[in-house]
Amino acid sequence: MTRAVGLGVGLTVLVGVVAAVAWGGRAVVGAVGFGLLATAVQAAGIAFVRPALGAPLAMFMKRWGVGMAFRLTGVIAFAVAVALRPDVFQPLPSAVGYVGVIVPLLFVETRYLR
């Protein structure tokens, strides 16, 4: 799981740089904030699913579903933050921050669950 966190932090830095170049310094807060949130929910999802890898399918699917619910809370947090404070969490940079980190981490999740 530490590799997932390291990759997530690295992707967050990359997304922060892209946000700074594309939208200016104010966009970095949302991009980096949601990049870190994506890293945290992905790490929580991995930690929750990992103990069920050798378990029966029903238990594995329950834990996988809870892990997906963690990721959905990130989407809900994005919607709430952008709705309440669009001056701080600009919609496009914040979305790029969350999606730009969570999607690559989802693709490499299978490596961390071995």
PDB file of N, CA and C in Angstrom:
ATOM      1  N   MET A   1       0.814  -1.186   0.000  1.00  0.00           N
ATOM      2  CA  MET A   1       0.000   0.000   0.000  1.00  0.00           C
ATOM      3  C   MET A   1       0.860   1.255   0.000  1.00  0.00           C
ATOM      4  N   THR A   2       2.047   1.188   0.554  1.00  0.00           N
ATOM      5  CA  THR A   2       2.906   2.377   0.544  1.00  0.00           C
ATOM      6  C   THR A   2       3.298   2.768  -0.878  1.00  0.00           C
ATOM      7  N   ARG A   3       3.370   1.767  -1.775  1.00  0.00           N
ATOM      8  CA  ARG A   3       3.654   2.097  -3.175  1.00  0.00           C
ATOM      9  C   ARG A   3       2.495   2.863  -3.795  1.00  0.00           C
ATOM     10  N   ALA A   4       1.267   2.489  -3.447  1.00  0.00           N
ATOM     11  CA  ALA A   4       0.095   3.205  -3.967  1.00  0.00           C
ATOM     12  C   ALA A   4       0.084   4.642  -3.462  1.00  0.00           C
ATOM     13  N   VAL A   5       0.413   4.826  -2.213  1.00  0.00           N
ATOM     14  CA  VAL A   5       0.452   6.181  -1.656  1.00  0.00           C
ATOM     15  C   VAL A   5       1.564   6.983  -2.321  1.00  0.00           C
ATOM     16  N   GLY A   6       2.715   6.384  -2.504  1.00  0.00           N
ATOM     17  CA  GLY A   6       3.818   7.082  -3.167  1.00  0.00           C
ATOM     18  C   GLY A   6       3.473   7.481  -4.589  1.00  0.00           C
ATOM     19  N   LEU A   7       2.844   6.561  -5.316  1.00  0.00           N
ATOM     20  CA  LEU A   7       2.424   6.876  -6.677  1.00  0.00           C
ATOM     21  C   LEU A   7       1.361   7.965  -6.670  1.00  0.00           C
ATOM     22  N   GLY A   8       0.436   7.893  -5.729  1.00  0.00           N
ATOM     23  CA  GLY A   8      -0.605   8.910  -5.625  1.00  0.00           C
ATOM     24  C   GLY A   8      -0.043  10.289  -5.333  1.00  0.00           C
ATOM     25  N   VAL A   9       0.928  10.350  -4.446  1.00  0.00           N
ATOM     26  CA  VAL A   9       1.558  11.640  -4.137  1.00  0.00           C
ATOM     27  C   VAL A   9       2.318  12.159  -5.350  1.00  0.00           C
ATOM     28  N   GLY A  10       3.008  11.280  -6.046  1.00  0.00           N
ATOM     29  CA  GLY A  10       3.713  11.693  -7.255  1.00  0.00           C
ATOM     30  C   GLY A  10       2.766  12.205  -8.323  1.00  0.00           C
ATOM     31  N   LEU A  11       1.658  11.512  -8.518  1.00  0.00           N
ATOM     32  CA  LEU A  11       0.652  11.974  -9.474  1.00  0.00           C
ATOM     33  C   LEU A  11       0.040  13.298  -9.036  1.00  0.00           C
ATOM     34  N   THR A  12      -0.134  13.473  -7.737  1.00  0.00           N
ATOM     35  CA  THR A  12      -0.677  14.731  -7.218  1.00  0.00           C
ATOM     36  C   THR A  12       0.258  15.892  -7.522  1.00  0.00           C
ATOM     37  N   VAL A  13       1.545  15.677  -7.353  1.00  0.00           N
ATOM     38  CA  VAL A  13       2.515  16.724  -7.682  1.00  0.00           C
ATOM     39  C   VAL A  13       2.435  17.058  -9.169  1.00  0.00           C
ATOM     40  N   LEU A  14       2.375  16.035  -9.991  1.00  0.00           N
ATOM     41  CA  LEU A  14       2.272  16.245 -11.438  1.00  0.00           C
ATOM     42  C   LEU A  14       1.004  17.025 -11.794  1.00  0.00           C
ATOM     43  N   VAL A  15      -0.117  16.645 -11.204  1.00  0.00           N
ATOM     44  CA  VAL A  15      -1.381  17.342 -11.468  1.00  0.00           C
ATOM     45  C   VAL A  15      -1.312  18.782 -10.972  1.00  0.00           C
ATOM     46  N   GLY A  16      -0.643  18.999  -9.848  1.00  0.00           N
ATOM     47  CA  GLY A  16      -0.482  20.362  -9.335  1.00  0.00           C
ATOM     48  C   GLY A  16       0.317  21.233 -10.283  1.00  0.00           C
ATOM     49  N   VAL A  17       1.370  20.685 -10.852  1.00  0.00           N
ATOM     50  CA  VAL A  17       2.175  21.430 -11.823  1.00  0.00           C
ATOM     51  C   VAL A  17       1.356  21.733 -13.078  1.00  0.00           C
ATOM     52  N   VAL A  18       0.632  20.741 -13.560  1.00  0.00           N
ATOM     53  CA  VAL A  18      -0.214  20.953 -14.740  1.00  0.00           C
ATOM     54  C   VAL A  18      -1.254  22.035 -14.455  1.00  0.00           C
ATOM     55  N   ALA A  19      -1.861  22.007 -13.277  1.00  0.00           N
ATOM     56  CA  ALA A  19      -2.866  23.018 -12.921  1.00  0.00           C
ATOM     57  C   ALA A  19      -2.243  24.408 -12.857  1.00  0.00           C
ATOM     58  N   ALA A  20      -1.048  24.499 -12.301  1.00  0.00           N
ATOM     59  CA  ALA A  20      -0.386  25.798 -12.208  1.00  0.00           C
ATOM     60  C   ALA A  20      -0.080  26.367 -13.585  1.00  0.00           C
ATOM     61  N   VAL A  21       0.370  25.517 -14.480  1.00  0.00           N
ATOM     62  CA  VAL A  21       0.709  25.969 -15.830  1.00  0.00           C
ATOM     63  C   VAL A  21      -0.559  26.305 -16.621  1.00  0.00           C
ATOM     64  N   ALA A  22      -1.568  25.455 -16.512  1.00  0.00           N
ATOM     65  CA  ALA A  22      -2.770  25.630 -17.330  1.00  0.00           C
ATOM     66  C   ALA A  22      -3.709  26.712 -16.811  1.00  0.00           C
ATOM     67  N   TRP A  23      -3.881  26.800 -15.486  1.00  0.00           N
ATOM     68  CA  TRP A  23      -4.891  27.701 -14.945  1.00  0.00           C
ATOM     69  C   TRP A  23      -4.354  28.720 -13.957  1.00  0.00           C
ATOM     70  N   GLY A  24      -3.099  28.678 -13.615  1.00  0.00           N
ATOM     71  CA  GLY A  24      -2.531  29.651 -12.680  1.00  0.00           C
ATOM     72  C   GLY A  24      -2.457  29.107 -11.259  1.00  0.00           C
ATOM     73  N   GLY A  25      -1.867  29.891 -10.412  1.00  0.00           N
ATOM     74  CA  GLY A  25      -1.588  29.465  -9.043  1.00  0.00           C
ATOM     75  C   GLY A  25      -2.810  29.157  -8.203  1.00  0.00           C
ATOM     76  N   ARG A  26      -3.904  29.867  -8.415  1.00  0.00           N
ATOM     77  CA  ARG A  26      -5.103  29.625  -7.604  1.00  0.00           C
ATOM     78  C   ARG A  26      -5.699  28.248  -7.864  1.00  0.00           C
ATOM     79  N   ALA A  27      -5.451  27.682  -9.012  1.00  0.00           N
ATOM     80  CA  ALA A  27      -6.010  26.374  -9.365  1.00  0.00           C
ATOM     81  C   ALA A  27      -5.301  25.227  -8.649  1.00  0.00           C
ATOM     82  N   VAL A  28      -4.107  25.488  -8.149  1.00  0.00           N
ATOM     83  CA  VAL A  28      -3.308  24.428  -7.529  1.00  0.00           C
ATOM     84  C   VAL A  28      -3.982  23.888  -6.270  1.00  0.00           C
ATOM     85  N   VAL A  29      -4.647  24.741  -5.522  1.00  0.00           N
ATOM     86  CA  VAL A  29      -5.279  24.301  -4.272  1.00  0.00           C
ATOM     87  C   VAL A  29      -6.280  23.181  -4.533  1.00  0.00           C
ATOM     88  N   GLY A  30      -7.170  23.371  -5.477  1.00  0.00           N
ATOM     89  CA  GLY A  30      -8.159  22.343  -5.777  1.00  0.00           C
ATOM     90  C   GLY A  30      -7.549  21.097  -6.370  1.00  0.00           C
ATOM     91  N   ALA A  31      -6.616  21.284  -7.295  1.00  0.00           N
ATOM     92  CA  ALA A  31      -5.994  20.133  -7.949  1.00  0.00           C
ATOM     93  C   ALA A  31      -5.218  19.283  -6.951  1.00  0.00           C
ATOM     94  N   VAL A  32      -4.407  19.909  -6.143  1.00  0.00           N
ATOM     95  CA  VAL A  32      -3.603  19.169  -5.162  1.00  0.00           C
ATOM     96  C   VAL A  32      -4.479  18.610  -4.049  1.00  0.00           C
ATOM     97  N   GLY A  33      -5.441  19.396  -3.593  1.00  0.00           N
ATOM     98  CA  GLY A  33      -6.336  18.923  -2.532  1.00  0.00           C
ATOM     99  C   GLY A  33      -7.092  17.676  -2.943  1.00  0.00           C
ATOM    100  N   PHE A  34      -7.643  17.697  -4.155  1.00  0.00           N
ATOM    101  CA  PHE A  34      -8.397  16.527  -4.591  1.00  0.00           C
ATOM    102  C   PHE A  34      -7.490  15.402  -5.057  1.00  0.00           C
ATOM    103  N   GLY A  35      -6.282  15.701  -5.459  1.00  0.00           N
ATOM    104  CA  GLY A  35      -5.314  14.646  -5.728  1.00  0.00           C
ATOM    105  C   GLY A  35      -4.960  13.893  -4.459  1.00  0.00           C
ATOM    106  N   LEU A  36      -4.773  14.629  -3.374  1.00  0.00           N
ATOM    107  CA  LEU A  36      -4.482  13.983  -2.091  1.00  0.00           C
ATOM    108  C   LEU A  36      -5.690  13.211  -1.576  1.00  0.00           C
ATOM    109  N   LEU A  37      -6.887  13.756  -1.796  1.00  0.00           N
ATOM    110  CA  LEU A  37      -8.093  13.031  -1.402  1.00  0.00           C
ATOM    111  C   LEU A  37      -8.211  11.724  -2.186  1.00  0.00           C
ATOM    112  N   ALA A  38      -7.926  11.772  -3.482  1.00  0.00           N
ATOM    113  CA  ALA A  38      -7.968  10.565  -4.303  1.00  0.00           C
ATOM    114  C   ALA A  38      -6.964   9.538  -3.802  1.00  0.00           C
ATOM    115  N   THR A  39      -5.783   9.992  -3.426  1.00  0.00           N
ATOM    116  CA  THR A  39      -4.770   9.083  -2.888  1.00  0.00           C
ATOM    117  C   THR A  39      -5.258   8.437  -1.597  1.00  0.00           C
ATOM    118  N   ALA A  40      -5.868   9.232  -0.733  1.00  0.00           N
ATOM    119  CA  ALA A  40      -6.343   8.715   0.553  1.00  0.00           C
ATOM    120  C   ALA A  40      -7.475   7.702   0.372  1.00  0.00           C
ATOM    121  N   VAL A  41      -8.444   8.002  -0.481  1.00  0.00           N
ATOM    122  CA  VAL A  41      -9.557   7.065  -0.641  1.00  0.00           C
ATOM    123  C   VAL A  41      -9.115   5.795  -1.362  1.00  0.00           C
ATOM    124  N   GLN A  42      -8.155   5.919  -2.260  1.00  0.00           N
ATOM    125  CA  GLN A  42      -7.640   4.723  -2.934  1.00  0.00           C
ATOM    126  C   GLN A  42      -6.872   3.846  -1.950  1.00  0.00           C
ATOM    127  N   ALA A  43      -6.069   4.464  -1.101  1.00  0.00           N
ATOM    128  CA  ALA A  43      -5.330   3.696  -0.094  1.00  0.00           C
ATOM    129  C   ALA A  43      -6.293   3.017   0.872  1.00  0.00           C
ATOM    130  N   ALA A  44      -7.353   3.720   1.254  1.00  0.00           N
ATOM    131  CA  ALA A  44      -8.353   3.118   2.139  1.00  0.00           C
ATOM    132  C   ALA A  44      -9.061   1.961   1.445  1.00  0.00           C
ATOM    133  N   GLY A  45      -9.378   2.124   0.186  1.00  0.00           N
ATOM    134  CA  GLY A  45     -10.028   1.054  -0.569  1.00  0.00           C
ATOM    135  C   GLY A  45      -9.157  -0.183  -0.676  1.00  0.00           C
ATOM    136  N   ILE A  46      -7.879   0.024  -0.958  1.00  0.00           N
ATOM    137  CA  ILE A  46      -6.948  -1.099  -1.044  1.00  0.00           C
ATOM    138  C   ILE A  46      -6.818  -1.790   0.306  1.00  0.00           C
ATOM    139  N   ALA A  47      -6.677  -1.000   1.368  1.00  0.00           N
ATOM    140  CA  ALA A  47      -6.532  -1.573   2.705  1.00  0.00           C
ATOM    141  C   ALA A  47      -7.772  -2.354   3.119  1.00  0.00           C
ATOM    142  N   PHE A  48      -8.927  -1.907   2.669  1.00  0.00           N
ATOM    143  CA  PHE A  48     -10.165  -2.592   3.039  1.00  0.00           C
ATOM    144  C   PHE A  48     -10.353  -3.888   2.256  1.00  0.00           C
ATOM    145  N   VAL A  49      -9.927  -3.912   1.001  1.00  0.00           N
ATOM    146  CA  VAL A  49     -10.132  -5.091   0.153  1.00  0.00           C
ATOM    147  C   VAL A  49      -9.068  -6.157   0.381  1.00  0.00           C
ATOM    148  N   ARG A  50      -7.856  -5.758   0.665  1.00  0.00           N
ATOM    149  CA  ARG A  50      -6.737  -6.698   0.756  1.00  0.00           C
ATOM    150  C   ARG A  50      -6.989  -7.891   1.684  1.00  0.00           C
ATOM    151  N   PRO A  51      -7.564  -7.732   2.885  1.00  0.00           N
ATOM    152  CA  PRO A  51      -7.776  -8.908   3.743  1.00  0.00           C
ATOM    153  C   PRO A  51      -8.752  -9.930   3.165  1.00  0.00           C
ATOM    154  N   ALA A  52      -9.569  -9.545   2.203  1.00  0.00           N
ATOM    155  CA  ALA A  52     -10.573 -10.455   1.653  1.00  0.00           C
ATOM    156  C   ALA A  52     -10.107 -11.153   0.385  1.00  0.00           C
ATOM    157  N   LEU A  53      -8.849 -11.027   0.019  1.00  0.00           N
ATOM    158  CA  LEU A  53      -8.382 -11.617  -1.234  1.00  0.00           C
ATOM    159  C   LEU A  53      -8.532 -13.127  -1.278  1.00  0.00           C
ATOM    160  N   GLY A  54      -8.300 -13.811  -0.186  1.00  0.00           N
ATOM    161  CA  GLY A  54      -8.422 -15.262  -0.168  1.00  0.00           C
ATOM    162  C   GLY A  54      -9.769 -15.729   0.340  1.00  0.00           C
ATOM    163  N   ALA A  55     -10.658 -14.808   0.620  1.00  0.00           N
ATOM    164  CA  ALA A  55     -11.956 -15.142   1.201  1.00  0.00           C
ATOM    165  C   ALA A  55     -12.940 -15.581   0.117  1.00  0.00           C
ATOM    166  N   PRO A  56     -14.069 -16.127   0.530  1.00  0.00           N
ATOM    167  CA  PRO A  56     -15.110 -16.466  -0.451  1.00  0.00           C
ATOM    168  C   PRO A  56     -15.548 -15.225  -1.247  1.00  0.00           C
ATOM    169  N   LEU A  57     -16.070 -15.485  -2.428  1.00  0.00           N
ATOM    170  CA  LEU A  57     -16.434 -14.404  -3.337  1.00  0.00           C
ATOM    171  C   LEU A  57     -17.411 -13.411  -2.722  1.00  0.00           C
ATOM    172  N   ALA A  58     -18.370 -13.900  -1.952  1.00  0.00           N
ATOM    173  CA  ALA A  58     -19.368 -13.005  -1.352  1.00  0.00           C
ATOM    174  C   ALA A  58     -18.708 -11.984  -0.433  1.00  0.00           C
ATOM    175  N   MET A  59     -17.761 -12.424   0.388  1.00  0.00           N
ATOM    176  CA  MET A  59     -17.079 -11.495   1.286  1.00  0.00           C
ATOM    177  C   MET A  59     -16.200 -10.525   0.491  1.00  0.00           C
ATOM    178  N   PHE A  60     -15.516 -11.062  -0.514  1.00  0.00           N
ATOM    179  CA  PHE A  60     -14.676 -10.203  -1.338  1.00  0.00           C
ATOM    180  C   PHE A  60     -15.511  -9.114  -2.001  1.00  0.00           C
ATOM    181  N   MET A  61     -16.659  -9.478  -2.556  1.00  0.00           N
ATOM    182  CA  MET A  61     -17.500  -8.506  -3.248  1.00  0.00           C
ATOM    183  C   MET A  61     -18.046  -7.451  -2.287  1.00  0.00           C
ATOM    184  N   LYS A  62     -18.373  -7.854  -1.063  1.00  0.00           N
ATOM    185  CA  LYS A  62     -18.825  -6.872  -0.068  1.00  0.00           C
ATOM    186  C   LYS A  62     -17.730  -5.857   0.205  1.00  0.00           C
ATOM    187  N   ARG A  63     -16.529  -6.349   0.421  1.00  0.00           N
ATOM    188  CA  ARG A  63     -15.421  -5.445   0.715  1.00  0.00           C
ATOM    189  C   ARG A  63     -15.075  -4.593  -0.505  1.00  0.00           C
ATOM    190  N   TRP A  64     -15.154  -5.160  -1.684  1.00  0.00           N
ATOM    191  CA  TRP A  64     -14.906  -4.397  -2.907  1.00  0.00           C
ATOM    192  C   TRP A  64     -15.947  -3.285  -3.043  1.00  0.00           C
ATOM    193  N   GLY A  65     -17.199  -3.599  -2.734  1.00  0.00           N
ATOM    194  CA  GLY A  65     -18.265  -2.594  -2.790  1.00  0.00           C
ATOM    195  C   GLY A  65     -18.036  -1.454  -1.811  1.00  0.00           C
ATOM    196  N   VAL A  66     -17.575  -1.782  -0.618  1.00  0.00           N
ATOM    197  CA  VAL A  66     -17.266  -0.730   0.354  1.00  0.00           C
ATOM    198  C   VAL A  66     -16.098   0.123  -0.147  1.00  0.00           C
ATOM    199  N   GLY A  67     -15.111  -0.519  -0.757  1.00  0.00           N
ATOM    200  CA  GLY A  67     -13.996   0.239  -1.333  1.00  0.00           C
ATOM    201  C   GLY A  67     -14.461   1.192  -2.412  1.00  0.00           C
ATOM    202  N   MET A  68     -15.395   0.757  -3.232  1.00  0.00           N
ATOM    203  CA  MET A  68     -15.956   1.645  -4.259  1.00  0.00           C
ATOM    204  C   MET A  68     -16.765   2.767  -3.617  1.00  0.00           C
ATOM    205  N   ALA A  69     -17.417   2.487  -2.511  1.00  0.00           N
ATOM    206  CA  ALA A  69     -18.146   3.540  -1.791  1.00  0.00           C
ATOM    207  C   ALA A  69     -17.181   4.604  -1.274  1.00  0.00           C
ATOM    208  N   PHE A  70     -15.982   4.186  -0.843  1.00  0.00           N
ATOM    209  CA  PHE A  70     -14.965   5.163  -0.443  1.00  0.00           C
ATOM    210  C   PHE A  70     -14.673   6.108  -1.599  1.00  0.00           C
ATOM    211  N   ARG A  71     -14.504   5.545  -2.777  1.00  0.00           N
ATOM    212  CA  ARG A  71     -14.182   6.359  -3.950  1.00  0.00           C
ATOM    213  C   ARG A  71     -15.337   7.287  -4.318  1.00  0.00           C
ATOM    214  N   LEU A  72     -16.554   6.810  -4.125  1.00  0.00           N
ATOM    215  CA  LEU A  72     -17.724   7.646  -4.389  1.00  0.00           C
ATOM    216  C   LEU A  72     -17.797   8.820  -3.420  1.00  0.00           C
ATOM    217  N   THR A  73     -17.349   8.621  -2.193  1.00  0.00           N
ATOM    218  CA  THR A  73     -17.346   9.750  -1.248  1.00  0.00           C
ATOM    219  C   THR A  73     -16.425  10.859  -1.742  1.00  0.00           C
ATOM    220  N   GLY A  74     -15.373  10.503  -2.471  1.00  0.00           N
ATOM    221  CA  GLY A  74     -14.509  11.525  -3.059  1.00  0.00           C
ATOM    222  C   GLY A  74     -15.245  12.347  -4.099  1.00  0.00           C
ATOM    223  N   VAL A  75     -16.084  11.692  -4.884  1.00  0.00           N
ATOM    224  CA  VAL A  75     -16.880  12.400  -5.892  1.00  0.00           C
ATOM    225  C   VAL A  75     -17.888  13.323  -5.199  1.00  0.00           C
ATOM    226  N   ILE A  76     -18.494  12.843  -4.129  1.00  0.00           N
ATOM    227  CA  ILE A  76     -19.449  13.665  -3.381  1.00  0.00           C
ATOM    228  C   ILE A  76     -18.732  14.847  -2.738  1.00  0.00           C
ATOM    229  N   ALA A  77     -17.545  14.604  -2.171  1.00  0.00           N
ATOM    230  CA  ALA A  77     -16.771  15.701  -1.584  1.00  0.00           C
ATOM    231  C   ALA A  77     -16.419  16.747  -2.630  1.00  0.00           C
ATOM    232  N   PHE A  78     -16.105  16.300  -3.843  1.00  0.00           N
ATOM    233  CA  PHE A  78     -15.827  17.226  -4.939  1.00  0.00           C
ATOM    234  C   PHE A  78     -17.047  18.097  -5.210  1.00  0.00           C
ATOM    235  N   ALA A  79     -18.209  17.486  -5.348  1.00  0.00           N
ATOM    236  CA  ALA A  79     -19.429  18.238  -5.652  1.00  0.00           C
ATOM    237  C   ALA A  79     -19.744  19.249  -4.562  1.00  0.00           C
ATOM    238  N   VAL A  80     -19.592  18.839  -3.313  1.00  0.00           N
ATOM    239  CA  VAL A  80     -19.880  19.743  -2.197  1.00  0.00           C
ATOM    240  C   VAL A  80     -18.874  20.896  -2.165  1.00  0.00           C
ATOM    241  N   ALA A  81     -17.599  20.589  -2.304  1.00  0.00           N
ATOM    242  CA  ALA A  81     -16.568  21.636  -2.240  1.00  0.00           C
ATOM    243  C   ALA A  81     -16.719  22.642  -3.373  1.00  0.00           C
ATOM    244  N   VAL A  82     -16.977  22.152  -4.569  1.00  0.00           N
ATOM    245  CA  VAL A  82     -17.130  23.055  -5.713  1.00  0.00           C
ATOM    246  C   VAL A  82     -18.405  23.883  -5.578  1.00  0.00           C
ATOM    247  N   ALA A  83     -19.459  23.291  -5.048  1.00  0.00           N
ATOM    248  CA  ALA A  83     -20.709  24.037  -4.877  1.00  0.00           C
ATOM    249  C   ALA A  83     -20.593  25.101  -3.792  1.00  0.00           C
ATOM    250  N   LEU A  84     -19.895  24.772  -2.697  1.00  0.00           N
ATOM    251  CA  LEU A  84     -19.808  25.712  -1.581  1.00  0.00           C
ATOM    252  C   LEU A  84     -18.707  26.754  -1.740  1.00  0.00           C
ATOM    253  N   ARG A  85     -17.585  26.371  -2.327  1.00  0.00           N
ATOM    254  CA  ARG A  85     -16.442  27.290  -2.438  1.00  0.00           C
ATOM    255  C   ARG A  85     -15.814  27.226  -3.825  1.00  0.00           C
ATOM    256  N   PRO A  86     -16.526  27.655  -4.857  1.00  0.00           N
ATOM    257  CA  PRO A  86     -15.955  27.604  -6.209  1.00  0.00           C
ATOM    258  C   PRO A  86     -14.771  28.551  -6.393  1.00  0.00           C
ATOM    259  N   ASP A  87     -14.636  29.531  -5.512  1.00  0.00           N
ATOM    260  CA  ASP A  87     -13.483  30.426  -5.598  1.00  0.00           C
ATOM    261  C   ASP A  87     -12.200  29.720  -5.163  1.00  0.00           C
ATOM    262  N   VAL A  88     -12.301  28.794  -4.233  1.00  0.00           N
ATOM    263  CA  VAL A  88     -11.135  28.040  -3.752  1.00  0.00           C
ATOM    264  C   VAL A  88     -10.944  26.764  -4.561  1.00  0.00           C
ATOM    265  N   PHE A  89     -12.039  26.038  -4.768  1.00  0.00           N
ATOM    266  CA  PHE A  89     -12.000  24.765  -5.495  1.00  0.00           C
ATOM    267  C   PHE A  89     -12.628  24.975  -6.875  1.00  0.00           C
ATOM    268  N   GLN A  90     -11.822  25.486  -7.773  1.00  0.00           N
ATOM    269  CA  GLN A  90     -12.306  25.717  -9.136  1.00  0.00           C
ATOM    270  C   GLN A  90     -12.674  24.373  -9.753  1.00  0.00           C
ATOM    271  N   PRO A  91     -13.815  24.306 -10.450  1.00  0.00           N
ATOM    272  CA  PRO A  91     -14.325  23.003 -10.897  1.00  0.00           C
ATOM    273  C   PRO A  91     -13.369  22.194 -11.773  1.00  0.00           C
ATOM    274  N   LEU A  92     -12.854  22.768 -12.840  1.00  0.00           N
ATOM    275  CA  LEU A  92     -12.032  21.982 -13.757  1.00  0.00           C
ATOM    276  C   LEU A  92     -10.704  21.532 -13.137  1.00  0.00           C
ATOM    277  N   PRO A  93      -9.944  22.412 -12.508  1.00  0.00           N
ATOM    278  CA  PRO A  93      -8.694  21.934 -11.889  1.00  0.00           C
ATOM    279  C   PRO A  93      -8.936  20.917 -10.774  1.00  0.00           C
ATOM    280  N   SER A  94     -10.007  21.105 -10.006  1.00  0.00           N
ATOM    281  CA  SER A  94     -10.307  20.152  -8.940  1.00  0.00           C
ATOM    282  C   SER A  94     -10.683  18.786  -9.509  1.00  0.00           C
ATOM    283  N   ALA A  95     -11.466  18.789 -10.575  1.00  0.00           N
ATOM    284  CA  ALA A  95     -11.840  17.529 -11.221  1.00  0.00           C
ATOM    285  C   ALA A  95     -10.621  16.846 -11.810  1.00  0.00           C
ATOM    286  N   VAL A  96      -9.756  17.619 -12.445  1.00  0.00           N
ATOM    287  CA  VAL A  96      -8.528  17.048 -13.001  1.00  0.00           C
ATOM    288  C   VAL A  96      -7.670  16.472 -11.880  1.00  0.00           C
ATOM    289  N   GLY A  97      -7.643  17.130 -10.744  1.00  0.00           N
ATOM    290  CA  GLY A  97      -6.884  16.621  -9.604  1.00  0.00           C
ATOM    291  C   GLY A  97      -7.399  15.281  -9.124  1.00  0.00           C
ATOM    292  N   TYR A  98      -8.715  15.152  -8.986  1.00  0.00           N
ATOM    293  CA  TYR A  98      -9.285  13.896  -8.490  1.00  0.00           C
ATOM    294  C   TYR A  98      -9.190  12.789  -9.533  1.00  0.00           C
ATOM    295  N   VAL A  99      -9.672  13.073 -10.723  1.00  0.00           N
ATOM    296  CA  VAL A  99      -9.696  12.041 -11.768  1.00  0.00           C
ATOM    297  C   VAL A  99      -8.286  11.689 -12.239  1.00  0.00           C
ATOM    298  N   GLY A 100      -7.415  12.692 -12.304  1.00  0.00           N
ATOM    299  CA  GLY A 100      -6.053  12.465 -12.764  1.00  0.00           C
ATOM    300  C   GLY A 100      -5.223  11.611 -11.828  1.00  0.00           C
ATOM    301  N   VAL A 101      -5.670  11.483 -10.593  1.00  0.00           N
ATOM    302  CA  VAL A 101      -4.963  10.625  -9.637  1.00  0.00           C
ATOM    303  C   VAL A 101      -5.707   9.302  -9.445  1.00  0.00           C
ATOM    304  N   ILE A 102      -7.016   9.349  -9.293  1.00  0.00           N
ATOM    305  CA  ILE A 102      -7.758   8.122  -8.963  1.00  0.00           C
ATOM    306  C   ILE A 102      -7.769   7.123 -10.114  1.00  0.00           C
ATOM    307  N   VAL A 103      -7.882   7.594 -11.336  1.00  0.00           N
ATOM    308  CA  VAL A 103      -7.967   6.660 -12.469  1.00  0.00           C
ATOM    309  C   VAL A 103      -6.667   5.868 -12.648  1.00  0.00           C
ATOM    310  N   PRO A 104      -5.496   6.522 -12.682  1.00  0.00           N
ATOM    311  CA  PRO A 104      -4.275   5.701 -12.778  1.00  0.00           C
ATOM    312  C   PRO A 104      -4.098   4.757 -11.594  1.00  0.00           C
ATOM    313  N   LEU A 105      -4.493   5.202 -10.398  1.00  0.00           N
ATOM    314  CA  LEU A 105      -4.372   4.316  -9.239  1.00  0.00           C
ATOM    315  C   LEU A 105      -5.318   3.126  -9.348  1.00  0.00           C
ATOM    316  N   LEU A 106      -6.487   3.328  -9.915  1.00  0.00           N
ATOM    317  CA  LEU A 106      -7.392   2.198 -10.129  1.00  0.00           C
ATOM    318  C   LEU A 106      -6.806   1.191 -11.115  1.00  0.00           C
ATOM    319  N   PHE A 107      -6.138   1.697 -12.143  1.00  0.00           N
ATOM    320  CA  PHE A 107      -5.553   0.794 -13.140  1.00  0.00           C
ATOM    321  C   PHE A 107      -4.410  -0.034 -12.571  1.00  0.00           C
ATOM    322  N   VAL A 108      -3.660   0.524 -11.654  1.00  0.00           N
ATOM    323  CA  VAL A 108      -2.533  -0.234 -11.098  1.00  0.00           C
ATOM    324  C   VAL A 108      -2.887  -0.922  -9.780  1.00  0.00           C
ATOM    325  N   GLU A 109      -4.149  -0.830  -9.374  1.00  0.00           N
ATOM    326  CA  GLU A 109      -4.570  -1.435  -8.113  1.00  0.00           C
ATOM    327  C   GLU A 109      -4.323  -2.943  -8.090  1.00  0.00           C
ATOM    328  N   THR A 110      -4.469  -3.597  -9.206  1.00  0.00           N
ATOM    329  CA  THR A 110      -4.279  -5.048  -9.229  1.00  0.00           C
ATOM    330  C   THR A 110      -2.866  -5.448  -8.814  1.00  0.00           C
ATOM    331  N   ARG A 111      -1.904  -4.602  -9.125  1.00  0.00           N
ATOM    332  CA  ARG A 111      -0.529  -4.899  -8.698  1.00  0.00           C
ATOM    333  C   ARG A 111      -0.394  -4.878  -7.186  1.00  0.00           C
ATOM    334  N   TYR A 112      -1.101  -3.944  -6.542  1.00  0.00           N
ATOM    335  CA  TYR A 112      -0.976  -3.801  -5.100  1.00  0.00           C
ATOM    336  C   TYR A 112      -1.759  -4.871  -4.346  1.00  0.00           C
ATOM    337  N   LEU A 113      -2.656  -5.536  -5.012  1.00  0.00           N
ATOM    338  CA  LEU A 113      -3.474  -6.549  -4.345  1.00  0.00           C
ATOM    339  C   LEU A 113      -2.922  -7.957  -4.516  1.00  0.00           C
ATOM    340  N   ARG A 114      -1.744  -8.090  -5.062  1.00  0.00           N
ATOM    341  CA  ARG A 114      -1.140  -9.413  -5.214  1.00  0.00           C
ATOM    342  C   ARG A 114      -0.584  -9.909  -3.917  1.00  0.00           C
TER     343      ARG A 114
END
